[in-house]
Amino acid sequence: MPKNREISYDDRAKMQVLSEEGKSQVEIPNLVGCSLCAVQCATRRFIETKSHNNISKCERKRLTSKREDRILIRKSPKAGKNSSSALAVGLSDEFSKPVSARTGRRRLLEAG
């Protein structure tokens, strides 16, 4: 999540048009209503990608697959009052992958 709001697609396109019209990077922030750094980043992004679309962020790969998540959700009510660490140990044995208790809690929270 960015520290500040993400600049909209329309604002980035407007910055590019103003830049092509000959406006300086110091004038553009006053016209669009953003910071000089935002204009510089948007210009650099357009030069590198030739697009105003948001750049997807690299995320960490999930340890468990969708199938394994369904199995985890199905087994959790049967576990009853067992702790999440006990559930994770049982799942680690079944999946032959190390599944932490925290991963189990995350998947159960995602499922609702």
PDB file of N, CA and C in Angstrom:
ATOM      1  N   MET A   1       0.839  -1.162   0.000  1.00  0.00           N
ATOM      2  CA  MET A   1       0.000   0.000   0.000  1.00  0.00           C
ATOM      3  C   MET A   1       0.892   1.235   0.000  1.00  0.00           C
ATOM      4  N   PRO A   2       0.643   2.187  -0.909  1.00  0.00           N
ATOM      5  CA  PRO A   2       1.496   3.358  -0.977  1.00  0.00           C
ATOM      6  C   PRO A   2       1.306   4.265   0.239  1.00  0.00           C
ATOM      7  N   LYS A   3       2.320   5.067   0.523  1.00  0.00           N
ATOM      8  CA  LYS A   3       2.233   6.003   1.634  1.00  0.00           C
ATOM      9  C   LYS A   3       1.146   7.038   1.363  1.00  0.00           C
ATOM     10  N   ASN A   4       1.090   7.503   0.126  1.00  0.00           N
ATOM     11  CA  ASN A   4       0.096   8.491  -0.273  1.00  0.00           C
ATOM     12  C   ASN A   4      -0.832   7.878  -1.306  1.00  0.00           C
ATOM     13  N   ARG A   5      -1.863   8.627  -1.676  1.00  0.00           N
ATOM     14  CA  ARG A   5      -2.805   8.107  -2.658  1.00  0.00           C
ATOM     15  C   ARG A   5      -2.106   7.898  -3.998  1.00  0.00           C
ATOM     16  N   GLU A   6      -2.584   6.937  -4.740  1.00  0.00           N
ATOM     17  CA  GLU A   6      -2.046   6.641  -6.068  1.00  0.00           C
ATOM     18  C   GLU A   6      -2.574   7.701  -7.034  1.00  0.00           C
ATOM     19  N   ILE A   7      -1.702   8.210  -7.894  1.00  0.00           N
ATOM     20  CA  ILE A   7      -2.114   9.194  -8.896  1.00  0.00           C
ATOM     21  C   ILE A   7      -2.995   8.480  -9.914  1.00  0.00           C
ATOM     22  N   SER A   8      -4.128   9.075 -10.256  1.00  0.00           N
ATOM     23  CA  SER A   8      -5.072   8.416 -11.158  1.00  0.00           C
ATOM     24  C   SER A   8      -4.526   8.356 -12.581  1.00  0.00           C
ATOM     25  N   TYR A   9      -5.109   7.454 -13.349  1.00  0.00           N
ATOM     26  CA  TYR A   9      -4.734   7.279 -14.759  1.00  0.00           C
ATOM     27  C   TYR A   9      -4.937   8.595 -15.514  1.00  0.00           C
ATOM     28  N   ASP A  10      -6.060   9.271 -15.260  1.00  0.00           N
ATOM     29  CA  ASP A  10      -6.364  10.531 -15.953  1.00  0.00           C
ATOM     30  C   ASP A  10      -5.338  11.610 -15.625  1.00  0.00           C
ATOM     31  N   ASP A  11      -4.944  11.701 -14.351  1.00  0.00           N
ATOM     32  CA  ASP A  11      -3.944  12.702 -13.965  1.00  0.00           C
ATOM     33  C   ASP A  11      -2.595  12.418 -14.622  1.00  0.00           C
ATOM     34  N   ARG A  12      -2.207  11.134 -14.706  1.00  0.00           N
ATOM     35  CA  ARG A  12      -0.935  10.802 -15.359  1.00  0.00           C
ATOM     36  C   ARG A  12      -0.984  11.138 -16.844  1.00  0.00           C
ATOM     37  N   ALA A  13      -2.136  10.885 -17.482  1.00  0.00           N
ATOM     38  CA  ALA A  13      -2.280  11.222 -18.899  1.00  0.00           C
ATOM     39  C   ALA A  13      -2.242  12.737 -19.083  1.00  0.00           C
ATOM     40  N   LYS A  14      -2.884  13.470 -18.164  1.00  0.00           N
ATOM     41  CA  LYS A  14      -2.886  14.934 -18.235  1.00  0.00           C
ATOM     42  C   LYS A  14      -1.460  15.476 -18.086  1.00  0.00           C
ATOM     43  N   MET A  15      -0.682  14.867 -17.181  1.00  0.00           N
ATOM     44  CA  MET A  15       0.714  15.284 -17.000  1.00  0.00           C
ATOM     45  C   MET A  15       1.505  15.094 -18.281  1.00  0.00           C
ATOM     46  N   GLN A  16       1.285  13.969 -18.954  1.00  0.00           N
ATOM     47  CA  GLN A  16       2.009  13.678 -20.189  1.00  0.00           C
ATOM     48  C   GLN A  16       1.639  14.677 -21.277  1.00  0.00           C
ATOM     49  N   VAL A  17       0.352  15.013 -21.398  1.00  0.00           N
ATOM     50  CA  VAL A  17      -0.102  15.977 -22.413  1.00  0.00           C
ATOM     51  C   VAL A  17       0.501  17.347 -22.138  1.00  0.00           C
ATOM     52  N   LEU A  18       0.484  17.773 -20.881  1.00  0.00           N
ATOM     53  CA  LEU A  18       1.071  19.066 -20.527  1.00  0.00           C
ATOM     54  C   LEU A  18       2.568  19.085 -20.805  1.00  0.00           C
ATOM     55  N   SER A  19       3.234  17.975 -20.550  1.00  0.00           N
ATOM     56  CA  SER A  19       4.664  17.882 -20.829  1.00  0.00           C
ATOM     57  C   SER A  19       4.934  17.988 -22.322  1.00  0.00           C
ATOM     58  N   GLU A  20       4.091  17.338 -23.129  1.00  0.00           N
ATOM     59  CA  GLU A  20       4.266  17.399 -24.581  1.00  0.00           C
ATOM     60  C   GLU A  20       3.935  18.782 -25.134  1.00  0.00           C
ATOM     61  N   GLU A  21       3.070  19.540 -24.435  1.00  0.00           N
ATOM     62  CA  GLU A  21       2.746  20.904 -24.847  1.00  0.00           C
ATOM     63  C   GLU A  21       3.871  21.876 -24.526  1.00  0.00           C
ATOM     64  N   GLY A  22       4.852  21.439 -23.755  1.00  0.00           N
ATOM     65  CA  GLY A  22       6.001  22.279 -23.465  1.00  0.00           C
ATOM     66  C   GLY A  22       6.029  22.841 -22.060  1.00  0.00           C
ATOM     67  N   LYS A  23       5.103  22.430 -21.216  1.00  0.00           N
ATOM     68  CA  LYS A  23       5.111  22.894 -19.826  1.00  0.00           C
ATOM     69  C   LYS A  23       6.269  22.229 -19.085  1.00  0.00           C
ATOM     70  N   SER A  24       6.857  22.963 -18.156  1.00  0.00           N
ATOM     71  CA  SER A  24       7.977  22.407 -17.397  1.00  0.00           C
ATOM     72  C   SER A  24       7.452  21.532 -16.266  1.00  0.00           C
ATOM     73  N   GLN A  25       8.347  20.727 -15.702  1.00  0.00           N
ATOM     74  CA  GLN A  25       7.952  19.855 -14.597  1.00  0.00           C
ATOM     75  C   GLN A  25       7.661  20.654 -13.331  1.00  0.00           C
ATOM     76  N   VAL A  26       8.070  21.910 -13.292  1.00  0.00           N
ATOM     77  CA  VAL A  26       7.760  22.759 -12.149  1.00  0.00           C
ATOM     78  C   VAL A  26       6.350  23.336 -12.286  1.00  0.00           C
ATOM     79  N   GLU A  27       5.897  23.592 -13.511  1.00  0.00           N
ATOM     80  CA  GLU A  27       4.562  24.154 -13.742  1.00  0.00           C
ATOM     81  C   GLU A  27       3.460  23.092 -13.649  1.00  0.00           C
ATOM     82  N   ILE A  28       3.760  21.874 -14.075  1.00  0.00           N
ATOM     83  CA  ILE A  28       2.745  20.815 -14.146  1.00  0.00           C
ATOM     84  C   ILE A  28       2.120  20.502 -12.782  1.00  0.00           C
ATOM     85  N   PRO A  29       2.880  20.403 -11.681  1.00  0.00           N
ATOM     86  CA  PRO A  29       2.238  20.095 -10.391  1.00  0.00           C
ATOM     87  C   PRO A  29       1.186  21.126  -9.983  1.00  0.00           C
ATOM     88  N   ASN A  30       1.416  22.405 -10.307  1.00  0.00           N
ATOM     89  CA  ASN A  30       0.442  23.440  -9.967  1.00  0.00           C
ATOM     90  C   ASN A  30      -0.838  23.281 -10.775  1.00  0.00           C
ATOM     91  N   LEU A  31      -0.724  22.841 -12.024  1.00  0.00           N
ATOM     92  CA  LEU A  31      -1.894  22.683 -12.886  1.00  0.00           C
ATOM     93  C   LEU A  31      -2.690  21.423 -12.551  1.00  0.00           C
ATOM     94  N   VAL A  32      -1.989  20.355 -12.183  1.00  0.00           N
ATOM     95  CA  VAL A  32      -2.651  19.074 -11.918  1.00  0.00           C
ATOM     96  C   VAL A  32      -3.049  18.941 -10.447  1.00  0.00           C
ATOM     97  N   GLY A  33      -2.289  19.543  -9.554  1.00  0.00           N
ATOM     98  CA  GLY A  33      -2.590  19.446  -8.128  1.00  0.00           C
ATOM     99  C   GLY A  33      -1.897  18.279  -7.449  1.00  0.00           C
ATOM    100  N   CYS A  34      -0.617  18.097  -7.741  1.00  0.00           N
ATOM    101  CA  CYS A  34       0.158  17.028  -7.118  1.00  0.00           C
ATOM    102  C   CYS A  34       1.577  17.534  -6.892  1.00  0.00           C
ATOM    103  N   SER A  35       2.440  16.685  -6.409  1.00  0.00           N
ATOM    104  CA  SER A  35       3.803  17.102  -6.107  1.00  0.00           C
ATOM    105  C   SER A  35       4.715  16.974  -7.327  1.00  0.00           C
ATOM    106  N   LEU A  36       5.854  17.636  -7.254  1.00  0.00           N
ATOM    107  CA  LEU A  36       6.852  17.557  -8.316  1.00  0.00           C
ATOM    108  C   LEU A  36       7.363  16.130  -8.456  1.00  0.00           C
ATOM    109  N   CYS A  37       7.546  15.454  -7.330  1.00  0.00           N
ATOM    110  CA  CYS A  37       8.019  14.070  -7.352  1.00  0.00           C
ATOM    111  C   CYS A  37       7.028  13.168  -8.077  1.00  0.00           C
ATOM    112  N   ALA A  38       5.723  13.404  -7.888  1.00  0.00           N
ATOM    113  CA  ALA A  38       4.700  12.599  -8.566  1.00  0.00           C
ATOM    114  C   ALA A  38       4.784  12.789 -10.074  1.00  0.00           C
ATOM    115  N   VAL A  39       5.039  14.014 -10.505  1.00  0.00           N
ATOM    116  CA  VAL A  39       5.174  14.292 -11.943  1.00  0.00           C
ATOM    117  C   VAL A  39       6.406  13.589 -12.494  1.00  0.00           C
ATOM    118  N   GLN A  40       7.502  13.657 -11.762  1.00  0.00           N
ATOM    119  CA  GLN A  40       8.730  13.009 -12.225  1.00  0.00           C
ATOM    120  C   GLN A  40       8.560  11.498 -12.307  1.00  0.00           C
ATOM    121  N   CYS A  41       7.908  10.908 -11.317  1.00  0.00           N
ATOM    122  CA  CYS A  41       7.685   9.453 -11.333  1.00  0.00           C
ATOM    123  C   CYS A  41       6.758   9.051 -12.469  1.00  0.00           C
ATOM    124  N   ALA A  42       5.697   9.835 -12.707  1.00  0.00           N
ATOM    125  CA  ALA A  42       4.759   9.523 -13.787  1.00  0.00           C
ATOM    126  C   ALA A  42       5.442   9.647 -15.142  1.00  0.00           C
ATOM    127  N   THR A  43       6.291  10.657 -15.307  1.00  0.00           N
ATOM    128  CA  THR A  43       7.016  10.833 -16.566  1.00  0.00           C
ATOM    129  C   THR A  43       7.986   9.685 -16.788  1.00  0.00           C
ATOM    130  N   ARG A  44       8.704   9.303 -15.741  1.00  0.00           N
ATOM    131  CA  ARG A  44       9.652   8.194 -15.849  1.00  0.00           C
ATOM    132  C   ARG A  44       8.920   6.887 -16.166  1.00  0.00           C
ATOM    133  N   ARG A  45       7.773   6.669 -15.526  1.00  0.00           N
ATOM    134  CA  ARG A  45       6.984   5.462 -15.772  1.00  0.00           C
ATOM    135  C   ARG A  45       6.520   5.409 -17.226  1.00  0.00           C
ATOM    136  N   PHE A  46       6.092   6.560 -17.773  1.00  0.00           N
ATOM    137  CA  PHE A  46       5.622   6.581 -19.158  1.00  0.00           C
ATOM    138  C   PHE A  46       6.772   6.330 -20.127  1.00  0.00           C
ATOM    139  N   ILE A  47       7.942   6.882 -19.847  1.00  0.00           N
ATOM    140  CA  ILE A  47       9.102   6.668 -20.723  1.00  0.00           C
ATOM    141  C   ILE A  47       9.507   5.201 -20.719  1.00  0.00           C
ATOM    142  N   GLU A  48       9.480   4.557 -19.544  1.00  0.00           N
ATOM    143  CA  GLU A  48       9.902   3.156 -19.443  1.00  0.00           C
ATOM    144  C   GLU A  48       8.879   2.183 -20.019  1.00  0.00           C
ATOM    145  N   THR A  49       7.591   2.424 -19.794  1.00  0.00           N
ATOM    146  CA  THR A  49       6.565   1.445 -20.166  1.00  0.00           C
ATOM    147  C   THR A  49       5.699   1.866 -21.347  1.00  0.00           C
ATOM    148  N   LYS A  50       5.751   3.134 -21.745  1.00  0.00           N
ATOM    149  CA  LYS A  50       4.888   3.682 -22.809  1.00  0.00           C
ATOM    150  C   LYS A  50       3.412   3.494 -22.459  1.00  0.00           C
ATOM    151  N   SER A  51       3.097   3.534 -21.176  1.00  0.00           N
ATOM    152  CA  SER A  51       1.723   3.344 -20.724  1.00  0.00           C
ATOM    153  C   SER A  51       1.527   4.108 -19.418  1.00  0.00           C
ATOM    154  N   HIS A  52       0.277   4.469 -19.143  1.00  0.00           N
ATOM    155  CA  HIS A  52      -0.050   5.145 -17.884  1.00  0.00           C
ATOM    156  C   HIS A  52      -0.662   4.192 -16.869  1.00  0.00           C
ATOM    157  N   ASN A  53      -0.721   2.905 -17.182  1.00  0.00           N
ATOM    158  CA  ASN A  53      -1.325   1.921 -16.284  1.00  0.00           C
ATOM    159  C   ASN A  53      -0.482   1.737 -15.035  1.00  0.00           C
ATOM    160  N   ASN A  54      -1.141   1.301 -13.956  1.00  0.00           N
ATOM    161  CA  ASN A  54      -0.425   1.002 -12.716  1.00  0.00           C
ATOM    162  C   ASN A  54       0.506  -0.182 -12.934  1.00  0.00           C
ATOM    163  N   ILE A  55       1.652  -0.135 -12.305  1.00  0.00           N
ATOM    164  CA  ILE A  55       2.612  -1.228 -12.393  1.00  0.00           C
ATOM    165  C   ILE A  55       2.260  -2.232 -11.304  1.00  0.00           C
ATOM    166  N   SER A  56       2.123  -3.493 -11.677  1.00  0.00           N
ATOM    167  CA  SER A  56       1.795  -4.505 -10.676  1.00  0.00           C
ATOM    168  C   SER A  56       3.004  -4.738  -9.777  1.00  0.00           C
ATOM    169  N   LYS A  57       2.716  -4.931  -8.522  1.00  0.00           N
ATOM    170  CA  LYS A  57       3.775  -5.163  -7.542  1.00  0.00           C
ATOM    171  C   LYS A  57       4.078  -6.654  -7.454  1.00  0.00           C
ATOM    172  N   CYS A  58       5.310  -6.974  -7.192  1.00  0.00           N
ATOM    173  CA  CYS A  58       5.690  -8.376  -7.010  1.00  0.00           C
ATOM    174  C   CYS A  58       5.282  -8.791  -5.599  1.00  0.00           C
ATOM    175  N   GLU A  59       4.571  -9.859  -5.517  1.00  0.00           N
ATOM    176  CA  GLU A  59       4.141 -10.358  -4.224  1.00  0.00           C
ATOM    177  C   GLU A  59       4.782 -11.708  -3.954  1.00  0.00           C
ATOM    178  N   ARG A  60       4.808 -12.065  -2.710  1.00  0.00           N
ATOM    179  CA  ARG A  60       5.345 -13.357  -2.333  1.00  0.00           C
ATOM    180  C   ARG A  60       4.380 -14.449  -2.784  1.00  0.00           C
ATOM    181  N   LYS A  61       4.921 -15.550  -3.286  1.00  0.00           N
ATOM    182  CA  LYS A  61       4.084 -16.658  -3.731  1.00  0.00           C
ATOM    183  C   LYS A  61       3.459 -17.337  -2.521  1.00  0.00           C
ATOM    184  N   ARG A  62       2.247 -17.843  -2.714  1.00  0.00           N
ATOM    185  CA  ARG A  62       1.542 -18.539  -1.642  1.00  0.00           C
ATOM    186  C   ARG A  62       2.163 -19.909  -1.417  1.00  0.00           C
ATOM    187  N   LEU A  63       2.250 -20.288  -0.168  1.00  0.00           N
ATOM    188  CA  LEU A  63       2.829 -21.578   0.185  1.00  0.00           C
ATOM    189  C   LEU A  63       1.861 -22.714  -0.113  1.00  0.00           C
ATOM    190  N   THR A  64       0.579 -22.450   0.069  1.00  0.00           N
ATOM    191  CA  THR A  64      -0.426 -23.489  -0.153  1.00  0.00           C
ATOM    192  C   THR A  64      -1.229 -23.186  -1.411  1.00  0.00           C
ATOM    193  N   SER A  65      -1.668 -24.237  -2.083  1.00  0.00           N
ATOM    194  CA  SER A  65      -2.487 -24.070  -3.285  1.00  0.00           C
ATOM    195  C   SER A  65      -3.954 -23.894  -2.881  1.00  0.00           C
ATOM    196  N   LYS A  66      -4.809 -23.597  -3.862  1.00  0.00           N
ATOM    197  CA  LYS A  66      -6.239 -23.452  -3.575  1.00  0.00           C
ATOM    198  C   LYS A  66      -6.817 -24.761  -3.039  1.00  0.00           C
ATOM    199  N   ARG A  67      -6.360 -25.868  -3.595  1.00  0.00           N
ATOM    200  CA  ARG A  67      -6.837 -27.183  -3.149  1.00  0.00           C
ATOM    201  C   ARG A  67      -6.458 -27.414  -1.688  1.00  0.00           C
ATOM    202  N   GLU A  68      -5.212 -27.099  -1.347  1.00  0.00           N
ATOM    203  CA  GLU A  68      -4.758 -27.278   0.028  1.00  0.00           C
ATOM    204  C   GLU A  68      -5.500 -26.342   0.978  1.00  0.00           C
ATOM    205  N   ASP A  69      -5.834 -25.135   0.498  1.00  0.00           N
ATOM    206  CA  ASP A  69      -6.616 -24.212   1.322  1.00  0.00           C
ATOM    207  C   ASP A  69      -7.992 -24.793   1.628  1.00  0.00           C
ATOM    208  N   ARG A  70      -8.625 -25.402   0.626  1.00  0.00           N
ATOM    209  CA  ARG A  70      -9.944 -26.012   0.837  1.00  0.00           C
ATOM    210  C   ARG A  70      -9.860 -27.153   1.852  1.00  0.00           C
ATOM    211  N   ILE A  71      -8.795 -27.952   1.754  1.00  0.00           N
ATOM    212  CA  ILE A  71      -8.611 -29.058   2.708  1.00  0.00           C
ATOM    213  C   ILE A  71      -8.445 -28.504   4.119  1.00  0.00           C
ATOM    214  N   LEU A  72      -7.662 -27.453   4.254  1.00  0.00           N
ATOM    215  CA  LEU A  72      -7.433 -26.828   5.556  1.00  0.00           C
ATOM    216  C   LEU A  72      -8.746 -26.318   6.136  1.00  0.00           C
ATOM    217  N   ILE A  73      -9.562 -25.681   5.319  1.00  0.00           N
ATOM    218  CA  ILE A  73     -10.837 -25.142   5.789  1.00  0.00           C
ATOM    219  C   ILE A  73     -11.782 -26.271   6.183  1.00  0.00           C
ATOM    220  N   ARG A  74     -11.763 -27.351   5.415  1.00  0.00           N
ATOM    221  CA  ARG A  74     -12.626 -28.491   5.706  1.00  0.00           C
ATOM    222  C   ARG A  74     -12.225 -29.169   7.019  1.00  0.00           C
ATOM    223  N   LYS A  75     -10.926 -29.235   7.304  1.00  0.00           N
ATOM    224  CA  LYS A  75     -10.446 -29.941   8.500  1.00  0.00           C
ATOM    225  C   LYS A  75     -10.555 -29.099   9.767  1.00  0.00           C
ATOM    226  N   SER A  76     -10.644 -27.797   9.644  1.00  0.00           N
ATOM    227  CA  SER A  76     -10.619 -26.952  10.840  1.00  0.00           C
ATOM    228  C   SER A  76     -11.810 -27.180  11.771  1.00  0.00           C
ATOM    229  N   PRO A  77     -13.063 -27.335  11.291  1.00  0.00           N
ATOM    230  CA  PRO A  77     -14.144 -27.612  12.257  1.00  0.00           C
ATOM    231  C   PRO A  77     -13.989 -28.973  12.924  1.00  0.00           C
ATOM    232  N   LYS A  78     -13.420 -29.938  12.206  1.00  0.00           N
ATOM    233  CA  LYS A  78     -13.222 -31.274  12.773  1.00  0.00           C
ATOM    234  C   LYS A  78     -12.160 -31.253  13.861  1.00  0.00           C
ATOM    235  N   ALA A  79     -11.244 -30.286  13.760  1.00  0.00           N
ATOM    236  CA  ALA A  79     -10.177 -30.193  14.750  1.00  0.00           C
ATOM    237  C   ALA A  79     -10.726 -29.736  16.097  1.00  0.00           C
ATOM    238  N   GLY A  80     -11.890 -29.095  16.072  1.00  0.00           N
ATOM    239  CA  GLY A  80     -12.517 -28.667  17.320  1.00  0.00           C
ATOM    240  C   GLY A  80     -11.719 -27.591  18.014  1.00  0.00           C
ATOM    241  N   LYS A  81     -11.355 -27.849  19.237  1.00  0.00           N
ATOM    242  CA  LYS A  81     -10.655 -26.850  20.041  1.00  0.00           C
ATOM    243  C   LYS A  81      -9.137 -26.953  19.924  1.00  0.00           C
ATOM    244  N   ASN A  82      -8.648 -27.753  18.987  1.00  0.00           N
ATOM    245  CA  ASN A  82      -7.196 -27.856  18.818  1.00  0.00           C
ATOM    246  C   ASN A  82      -6.626 -26.499  18.432  1.00  0.00           C
ATOM    247  N   SER A  83      -5.408 -26.271  18.824  1.00  0.00           N
ATOM    248  CA  SER A  83      -4.774 -25.003  18.505  1.00  0.00           C
ATOM    249  C   SER A  83      -4.373 -24.968  17.035  1.00  0.00           C
ATOM    250  N   SER A  84      -4.099 -23.776  16.557  1.00  0.00           N
ATOM    251  CA  SER A  84      -3.703 -23.632  15.157  1.00  0.00           C
ATOM    252  C   SER A  84      -2.361 -24.311  14.895  1.00  0.00           C
ATOM    253  N   SER A  85      -1.511 -24.371  15.913  1.00  0.00           N
ATOM    254  CA  SER A  85      -0.221 -25.042  15.716  1.00  0.00           C
ATOM    255  C   SER A  85      -0.411 -26.547  15.551  1.00  0.00           C
ATOM    256  N   ALA A  86      -1.357 -27.131  16.295  1.00  0.00           N
ATOM    257  CA  ALA A  86      -1.630 -28.563  16.140  1.00  0.00           C
ATOM    258  C   ALA A  86      -2.227 -28.850  14.766  1.00  0.00           C
ATOM    259  N   LEU A  87      -3.094 -27.967  14.300  1.00  0.00           N
ATOM    260  CA  LEU A  87      -3.673 -28.106  12.968  1.00  0.00           C
ATOM    261  C   LEU A  87      -2.584 -27.985  11.901  1.00  0.00           C
ATOM    262  N   ALA A  88      -1.653 -27.060  12.097  1.00  0.00           N
ATOM    263  CA  ALA A  88      -0.571 -26.858  11.132  1.00  0.00           C
ATOM    264  C   ALA A  88       0.350 -28.069  11.063  1.00  0.00           C
ATOM    265  N   VAL A  89       0.619 -28.696  12.192  1.00  0.00           N
ATOM    266  CA  VAL A  89       1.474 -29.887  12.202  1.00  0.00           C
ATOM    267  C   VAL A  89       0.821 -31.001  11.398  1.00  0.00           C
ATOM    268  N   GLY A  90      -0.477 -31.203  11.598  1.00  0.00           N
ATOM    269  CA  GLY A  90      -1.195 -32.229  10.841  1.00  0.00           C
ATOM    270  C   GLY A  90      -1.198 -31.939   9.350  1.00  0.00           C
ATOM    271  N   LEU A  91      -1.345 -30.677   8.992  1.00  0.00           N
ATOM    272  CA  LEU A  91      -1.351 -30.304   7.579  1.00  0.00           C
ATOM    273  C   LEU A  91       0.041 -30.412   6.969  1.00  0.00           C
ATOM    274  N   SER A  92       1.061 -30.091   7.743  1.00  0.00           N
ATOM    275  CA  SER A  92       2.432 -30.215   7.243  1.00  0.00           C
ATOM    276  C   SER A  92       2.742 -31.658   6.885  1.00  0.00           C
ATOM    277  N   ASP A  93       2.277 -32.581   7.713  1.00  0.00           N
ATOM    278  CA  ASP A  93       2.491 -34.003   7.426  1.00  0.00           C
ATOM    279  C   ASP A  93       1.739 -34.421   6.169  1.00  0.00           C
ATOM    280  N   GLU A  94       0.514 -33.937   6.021  1.00  0.00           N
ATOM    281  CA  GLU A  94      -0.314 -34.337   4.883  1.00  0.00           C
ATOM    282  C   GLU A  94       0.186 -33.738   3.565  1.00  0.00           C
ATOM    283  N   PHE A  95       0.586 -32.468   3.591  1.00  0.00           N
ATOM    284  CA  PHE A  95       1.008 -31.789   2.362  1.00  0.00           C
ATOM    285  C   PHE A  95       2.475 -32.013   2.045  1.00  0.00           C
ATOM    286  N   SER A  96       3.212 -32.536   2.976  1.00  0.00           N
ATOM    287  CA  SER A  96       4.668 -32.697   2.881  1.00  0.00           C
ATOM    288  C   SER A  96       5.356 -31.370   2.559  1.00  0.00           C
ATOM    289  N   LYS A  97       4.816 -30.302   3.128  1.00  0.00           N
ATOM    290  CA  LYS A  97       5.399 -28.961   3.055  1.00  0.00           C
ATOM    291  C   LYS A  97       5.324 -28.365   4.454  1.00  0.00           C
ATOM    292  N   PRO A  98       6.254 -27.507   4.792  1.00  0.00           N
ATOM    293  CA  PRO A  98       6.140 -26.871   6.103  1.00  0.00           C
ATOM    294  C   PRO A  98       5.041 -25.805   6.086  1.00  0.00           C
ATOM    295  N   VAL A  99       3.980 -26.028   6.853  1.00  0.00           N
ATOM    296  CA  VAL A  99       2.886 -25.068   6.968  1.00  0.00           C
ATOM    297  C   VAL A  99       2.901 -24.549   8.395  1.00  0.00           C
ATOM    298  N   SER A 100       3.053 -23.238   8.545  1.00  0.00           N
ATOM    299  CA  SER A 100       3.108 -22.672   9.890  1.00  0.00           C
ATOM    300  C   SER A 100       1.704 -22.456  10.435  1.00  0.00           C
ATOM    301  N   ALA A 101       1.635 -22.262  11.728  1.00  0.00           N
ATOM    302  CA  ALA A 101       0.352 -21.987  12.371  1.00  0.00           C
ATOM    303  C   ALA A 101      -0.211 -20.664  11.860  1.00  0.00           C
ATOM    304  N   ARG A 102       0.669 -19.715  11.608  1.00  0.00           N
ATOM    305  CA  ARG A 102       0.236 -18.406  11.102  1.00  0.00           C
ATOM    306  C   ARG A 102      -0.397 -18.535   9.720  1.00  0.00           C
ATOM    307  N   THR A 103       0.160 -19.384   8.861  1.00  0.00           N
ATOM    308  CA  THR A 103      -0.419 -19.611   7.535  1.00  0.00           C
ATOM    309  C   THR A 103      -1.821 -20.177   7.669  1.00  0.00           C
ATOM    310  N   GLY A 104      -1.996 -21.122   8.570  1.00  0.00           N
ATOM    311  CA  GLY A 104      -3.316 -21.703   8.805  1.00  0.00           C
ATOM    312  C   GLY A 104      -4.324 -20.660   9.256  1.00  0.00           C
ATOM    313  N   ARG A 105      -3.916 -19.781  10.175  1.00  0.00           N
ATOM    314  CA  ARG A 105      -4.823 -18.727  10.646  1.00  0.00           C
ATOM    315  C   ARG A 105      -5.172 -17.761   9.521  1.00  0.00           C
ATOM    316  N   ARG A 106      -4.174 -17.410   8.688  1.00  0.00           N
ATOM    317  CA  ARG A 106      -4.440 -16.511   7.554  1.00  0.00           C
ATOM    318  C   ARG A 106      -5.473 -17.095   6.599  1.00  0.00           C
ATOM    319  N   ARG A 107      -5.314 -18.373   6.267  1.00  0.00           N
ATOM    320  CA  ARG A 107      -6.243 -19.017   5.326  1.00  0.00           C
ATOM    321  C   ARG A 107      -7.649 -19.084   5.907  1.00  0.00           C
ATOM    322  N   LEU A 108      -7.747 -19.370   7.205  1.00  0.00           N
ATOM    323  CA  LEU A 108      -9.065 -19.422   7.840  1.00  0.00           C
ATOM    324  C   LEU A 108      -9.709 -18.037   7.894  1.00  0.00           C
ATOM    325  N   LEU A 109      -8.912 -17.001   8.112  1.00  0.00           N
ATOM    326  CA  LEU A 109      -9.445 -15.640   8.095  1.00  0.00           C
ATOM    327  C   LEU A 109      -9.921 -15.248   6.702  1.00  0.00           C
ATOM    328  N   GLU A 110      -9.172 -15.647   5.662  1.00  0.00           N
ATOM    329  CA  GLU A 110      -9.580 -15.349   4.289  1.00  0.00           C
ATOM    330  C   GLU A 110     -10.904 -16.022   3.957  1.00  0.00           C
ATOM    331  N   ALA A 111     -11.083 -17.238   4.471  1.00  0.00           N
ATOM    332  CA  ALA A 111     -12.294 -18.003   4.171  1.00  0.00           C
ATOM    333  C   ALA A 111     -13.512 -17.435   4.900  1.00  0.00           C
ATOM    334  N   GLY A 112     -13.257 -16.766   6.009  1.00  0.00           N
ATOM    335  CA  GLY A 112     -14.379 -16.185   6.741  1.00  0.00           C
ATOM    336  C   GLY A 112     -14.780 -17.022   7.830  1.00  0.00           C
TER     337      GLY A 112
END
